Amino acid sequence: MIRRLLPPLLSGTLFGAGLALGGMTNPARVRGFLDLFGDWDPTLAFVMGGAVIVMAIAWRFQPRMAHPFFAEKFALPDRSDLTARLIGGSALFGIGWGIAGLCPGPGVAALVIEPASAAIFVVAMLAGMFLVRLMEGNG
């Protein structure tokens, strides 16, 4: 049980710490990144760039591995088609991110730093997730 739960707990903690260290729990930073013609803040570009570098390295090692360290097989995408549901969900995510200045990872990490304002975002996010499940008949 611990062997199964420890890797996601540690990676989630590292991810949250990185977001907090990069200032991504501050909605003003995200909005500043989106304000191209005003007081533009490039911080988010550096955070994303760091993530891209880490994944580029990981993708170089993955083909040489028989299986992941903590799973029996890789869970890699096997389709590349775009659906209306994917595009609509992505657009809705982007709109919400631009309005709130938070996305799920930083929103949860912000619960530690600014619990009151982050809680409003997290509750709204969970309500939206529940609503989608309800509308799709999975709720």
C-alpha atoms as a PDB file:
ATOM      1  CA  MET A   1       0.000   0.000   0.000  1.00  0.00           C
ATOM      2  CA  ILE A   2       2.740   2.489   0.958  1.00  0.00           C
ATOM      3  CA  ARG A   3       4.772   1.518  -2.124  1.00  0.00           C
ATOM      4  CA  ARG A   4       1.760   2.431  -4.292  1.00  0.00           C
ATOM      5  CA  LEU A   5       0.883   5.692  -2.511  1.00  0.00           C
ATOM      6  CA  LEU A   6       4.336   7.108  -1.765  1.00  0.00           C
ATOM      7  CA  PRO A   7       5.421   7.997  -5.354  1.00  0.00           C
ATOM      8  CA  PRO A   8       2.295  10.061  -6.169  1.00  0.00           C
ATOM      9  CA  LEU A   9       2.417  11.708  -2.744  1.00  0.00           C
ATOM     10  CA  LEU A  10       6.081  12.655  -3.150  1.00  0.00           C
ATOM     11  CA  SER A  11       5.699  13.806  -6.769  1.00  0.00           C
ATOM     12  CA  GLY A  12       2.580  15.827  -5.892  1.00  0.00           C
ATOM     13  CA  THR A  13       4.394  17.444  -2.988  1.00  0.00           C
ATOM     14  CA  LEU A  14       7.379  18.258  -5.220  1.00  0.00           C
ATOM     15  CA  PHE A  15       5.038  19.635  -7.908  1.00  0.00           C
ATOM     16  CA  GLY A  16       3.187  21.817  -5.380  1.00  0.00           C
ATOM     17  CA  ALA A  17       6.450  23.062  -3.881  1.00  0.00           C
ATOM     18  CA  GLY A  18       7.736  23.946  -7.355  1.00  0.00           C
ATOM     19  CA  LEU A  19       4.548  25.847  -8.150  1.00  0.00           C
ATOM     20  CA  ALA A  20       4.748  27.733  -4.865  1.00  0.00           C
ATOM     21  CA  LEU A  21       8.472  28.475  -5.334  1.00  0.00           C
ATOM     22  CA  GLY A  22       7.778  29.701  -8.886  1.00  0.00           C
ATOM     23  CA  GLY A  23       5.050  32.031  -7.608  1.00  0.00           C
ATOM     24  CA  MET A  24       2.275  30.199  -9.482  1.00  0.00           C
ATOM     25  CA  THR A  25      -0.003  30.176  -6.437  1.00  0.00           C
ATOM     26  CA  ASN A  26      -0.323  33.947  -6.899  1.00  0.00           C
ATOM     27  CA  PRO A  27      -3.129  34.587  -9.413  1.00  0.00           C
ATOM     28  CA  ALA A  28      -1.635  38.020 -10.221  1.00  0.00           C
ATOM     29  CA  ARG A  29       1.424  36.284 -11.749  1.00  0.00           C
ATOM     30  CA  VAL A  30      -0.734  34.237 -14.122  1.00  0.00           C
ATOM     31  CA  ARG A  31      -2.849  37.247 -15.066  1.00  0.00           C
ATOM     32  CA  GLY A  32       0.377  39.231 -15.556  1.00  0.00           C
ATOM     33  CA  PHE A  33       1.579  36.582 -18.007  1.00  0.00           C
ATOM     34  CA  LEU A  34      -1.668  36.859 -19.959  1.00  0.00           C
ATOM     35  CA  ASP A  35      -1.438  40.686 -20.035  1.00  0.00           C
ATOM     36  CA  LEU A  36       0.717  40.857 -23.180  1.00  0.00           C
ATOM     37  CA  PHE A  37       0.194  44.560 -23.831  1.00  0.00           C
ATOM     38  CA  GLY A  38       0.255  45.792 -20.229  1.00  0.00           C
ATOM     39  CA  ASP A  39       2.548  44.946 -17.337  1.00  0.00           C
ATOM     40  CA  TRP A  40       3.679  41.560 -18.743  1.00  0.00           C
ATOM     41  CA  ASP A  41       5.176  39.068 -16.249  1.00  0.00           C
ATOM     42  CA  PRO A  42       7.267  36.283 -17.908  1.00  0.00           C
ATOM     43  CA  THR A  43       7.477  34.120 -14.747  1.00  0.00           C
ATOM     44  CA  LEU A  44       4.956  31.556 -16.013  1.00  0.00           C
ATOM     45  CA  ALA A  45       6.965  31.098 -19.226  1.00  0.00           C
ATOM     46  CA  PHE A  46      10.018  30.129 -17.146  1.00  0.00           C
ATOM     47  CA  VAL A  47       7.969  27.683 -15.045  1.00  0.00           C
ATOM     48  CA  MET A  48       6.526  26.097 -18.194  1.00  0.00           C
ATOM     49  CA  GLY A  49       9.973  26.034 -19.806  1.00  0.00           C
ATOM     50  CA  GLY A  50      11.367  24.174 -16.811  1.00  0.00           C
ATOM     51  CA  ALA A  51       8.593  21.596 -17.105  1.00  0.00           C
ATOM     52  CA  VAL A  52       9.235  21.166 -20.839  1.00  0.00           C
ATOM     53  CA  ILE A  53      12.955  20.550 -20.207  1.00  0.00           C
ATOM     54  CA  VAL A  54      12.210  17.889 -17.571  1.00  0.00           C
ATOM     55  CA  MET A  55       9.738  16.127 -19.895  1.00  0.00           C
ATOM     56  CA  ALA A  56      12.128  16.311 -22.854  1.00  0.00           C
ATOM     57  CA  ILE A  57      14.712  14.468 -20.766  1.00  0.00           C
ATOM     58  CA  ALA A  58      12.121  11.935 -19.568  1.00  0.00           C
ATOM     59  CA  TRP A  59      10.973  11.220 -23.153  1.00  0.00           C
ATOM     60  CA  ARG A  60      14.597  10.427 -24.090  1.00  0.00           C
ATOM     61  CA  PHE A  61      14.836   7.767 -21.349  1.00  0.00           C
ATOM     62  CA  GLN A  62      11.347   6.236 -21.690  1.00  0.00           C
ATOM     63  CA  PRO A  63      11.926   4.170 -24.887  1.00  0.00           C
ATOM     64  CA  ARG A  64      14.860   2.389 -23.223  1.00  0.00           C
ATOM     65  CA  MET A  65      12.791   1.331 -20.209  1.00  0.00           C
ATOM     66  CA  ALA A  66      10.874  -1.962 -20.148  1.00  0.00           C
ATOM     67  CA  HIS A  67       8.343  -0.513 -17.682  1.00  0.00           C
ATOM     68  CA  PRO A  68       8.003   2.453 -15.298  1.00  0.00           C
ATOM     69  CA  PHE A  69       9.602   2.268 -11.867  1.00  0.00           C
ATOM     70  CA  PHE A  70       6.287   2.162 -10.020  1.00  0.00           C
ATOM     71  CA  ALA A  71       3.894   0.518 -12.494  1.00  0.00           C
ATOM     72  CA  GLU A  72       3.622  -2.544 -14.697  1.00  0.00           C
ATOM     73  CA  LYS A  73       3.241  -0.590 -17.945  1.00  0.00           C
ATOM     74  CA  PHE A  74       3.365   2.938 -19.312  1.00  0.00           C
ATOM     75  CA  ALA A  75       0.078   4.849 -19.685  1.00  0.00           C
ATOM     76  CA  LEU A  76       0.935   6.701 -22.885  1.00  0.00           C
ATOM     77  CA  PRO A  77      -1.588   8.235 -25.270  1.00  0.00           C
ATOM     78  CA  ASP A  78      -2.291   6.038 -28.272  1.00  0.00           C
ATOM     79  CA  ARG A  79      -4.544   8.418 -30.236  1.00  0.00           C
ATOM     80  CA  SER A  80      -3.952  11.848 -31.620  1.00  0.00           C
ATOM     81  CA  ASP A  81      -7.433  12.849 -32.770  1.00  0.00           C
ATOM     82  CA  LEU A  82      -9.051  15.981 -31.448  1.00  0.00           C
ATOM     83  CA  THR A  83     -12.643  15.765 -30.290  1.00  0.00           C
ATOM     84  CA  ALA A  84     -15.142  18.553 -29.677  1.00  0.00           C
ATOM     85  CA  ARG A  85     -15.211  17.507 -26.012  1.00  0.00           C
ATOM     86  CA  LEU A  86     -11.412  17.881 -25.708  1.00  0.00           C
ATOM     87  CA  ILE A  87     -11.348  21.237 -27.490  1.00  0.00           C
ATOM     88  CA  GLY A  88     -14.352  22.541 -25.525  1.00  0.00           C
ATOM     89  CA  GLY A  89     -12.881  21.382 -22.215  1.00  0.00           C
ATOM     90  CA  SER A  90      -9.526  22.956 -23.056  1.00  0.00           C
ATOM     91  CA  ALA A  91     -11.196  26.251 -23.948  1.00  0.00           C
ATOM     92  CA  LEU A  92     -13.231  26.207 -20.735  1.00  0.00           C
ATOM     93  CA  PHE A  93     -10.084  25.411 -18.725  1.00  0.00           C
ATOM     94  CA  GLY A  94      -8.215  28.313 -20.359  1.00  0.00           C
ATOM     95  CA  ILE A  95     -11.049  30.765 -19.784  1.00  0.00           C
ATOM     96  CA  GLY A  96     -11.305  29.741 -16.121  1.00  0.00           C
ATOM     97  CA  TRP A  97      -7.540  29.937 -15.715  1.00  0.00           C
ATOM     98  CA  GLY A  98      -7.477  33.440 -17.172  1.00  0.00           C
ATOM     99  CA  ILE A  99     -10.354  34.646 -15.003  1.00  0.00           C
ATOM    100  CA  ALA A 100      -9.254  33.062 -11.716  1.00  0.00           C
ATOM    101  CA  GLY A 101      -5.498  33.154 -12.313  1.00  0.00           C
ATOM    102  CA  LEU A 102      -5.309  29.612 -10.945  1.00  0.00           C
ATOM    103  CA  CYS A 103      -5.496  26.118 -12.363  1.00  0.00           C
ATOM    104  CA  PRO A 104      -6.017  22.933 -10.305  1.00  0.00           C
ATOM    105  CA  GLY A 105      -2.390  22.336  -9.214  1.00  0.00           C
ATOM    106  CA  PRO A 106      -1.634  25.861  -7.993  1.00  0.00           C
ATOM    107  CA  GLY A 107      -5.182  26.127  -6.609  1.00  0.00           C
ATOM    108  CA  VAL A 108      -4.626  23.162  -4.313  1.00  0.00           C
ATOM    109  CA  ALA A 109      -1.088  24.340  -3.454  1.00  0.00           C
ATOM    110  CA  ALA A 110      -2.499  27.802  -2.634  1.00  0.00           C
ATOM    111  CA  LEU A 111      -4.681  26.202   0.062  1.00  0.00           C
ATOM    112  CA  VAL A 112      -1.545  26.180   2.228  1.00  0.00           C
ATOM    113  CA  ILE A 113      -0.594  29.800   1.495  1.00  0.00           C
ATOM    114  CA  GLU A 114      -3.967  31.597   1.214  1.00  0.00           C
ATOM    115  CA  PRO A 115      -6.619  29.135   2.426  1.00  0.00           C
ATOM    116  CA  ALA A 116      -9.616  31.476   2.277  1.00  0.00           C
ATOM    117  CA  SER A 117      -9.318  32.653  -1.337  1.00  0.00           C
ATOM    118  CA  ALA A 118      -7.945  29.333  -2.599  1.00  0.00           C
ATOM    119  CA  ALA A 119     -10.800  27.440  -0.945  1.00  0.00           C
ATOM    120  CA  ILE A 120     -13.324  29.404  -3.012  1.00  0.00           C
ATOM    121  CA  PHE A 121     -11.491  28.368  -6.185  1.00  0.00           C
ATOM    122  CA  VAL A 122     -11.118  24.710  -5.129  1.00  0.00           C
ATOM    123  CA  VAL A 123     -14.794  24.425  -4.131  1.00  0.00           C
ATOM    124  CA  ALA A 124     -15.860  25.975  -7.458  1.00  0.00           C
ATOM    125  CA  MET A 125     -13.516  23.621  -9.324  1.00  0.00           C
ATOM    126  CA  LEU A 126     -14.882  20.558  -7.520  1.00  0.00           C
ATOM    127  CA  ALA A 127     -18.454  21.728  -8.133  1.00  0.00           C
ATOM    128  CA  GLY A 128     -17.671  22.055 -11.849  1.00  0.00           C
ATOM    129  CA  MET A 129     -16.151  18.566 -11.924  1.00  0.00           C
ATOM    130  CA  PHE A 130     -19.225  17.168 -10.184  1.00  0.00           C
ATOM    131  CA  LEU A 131     -21.532  19.008 -12.587  1.00  0.00           C
ATOM    132  CA  VAL A 132     -19.765  17.506 -15.620  1.00  0.00           C
ATOM    133  CA  ARG A 133     -20.025  14.011 -14.139  1.00  0.00           C
ATOM    134  CA  LEU A 134     -23.688  14.613 -13.407  1.00  0.00           C
ATOM    135  CA  MET A 135     -24.379  15.858 -16.936  1.00  0.00           C
ATOM    136  CA  GLU A 136     -22.561  12.886 -18.447  1.00  0.00           C
ATOM    137  CA  GLY A 137     -24.487  10.461 -16.243  1.00  0.00           C
ATOM    138  CA  ASN A 138     -21.480   9.369 -14.146  1.00  0.00           C
ATOM    139  CA  GLY A 139     -22.473  11.181 -10.963  1.00  0.00           C
END
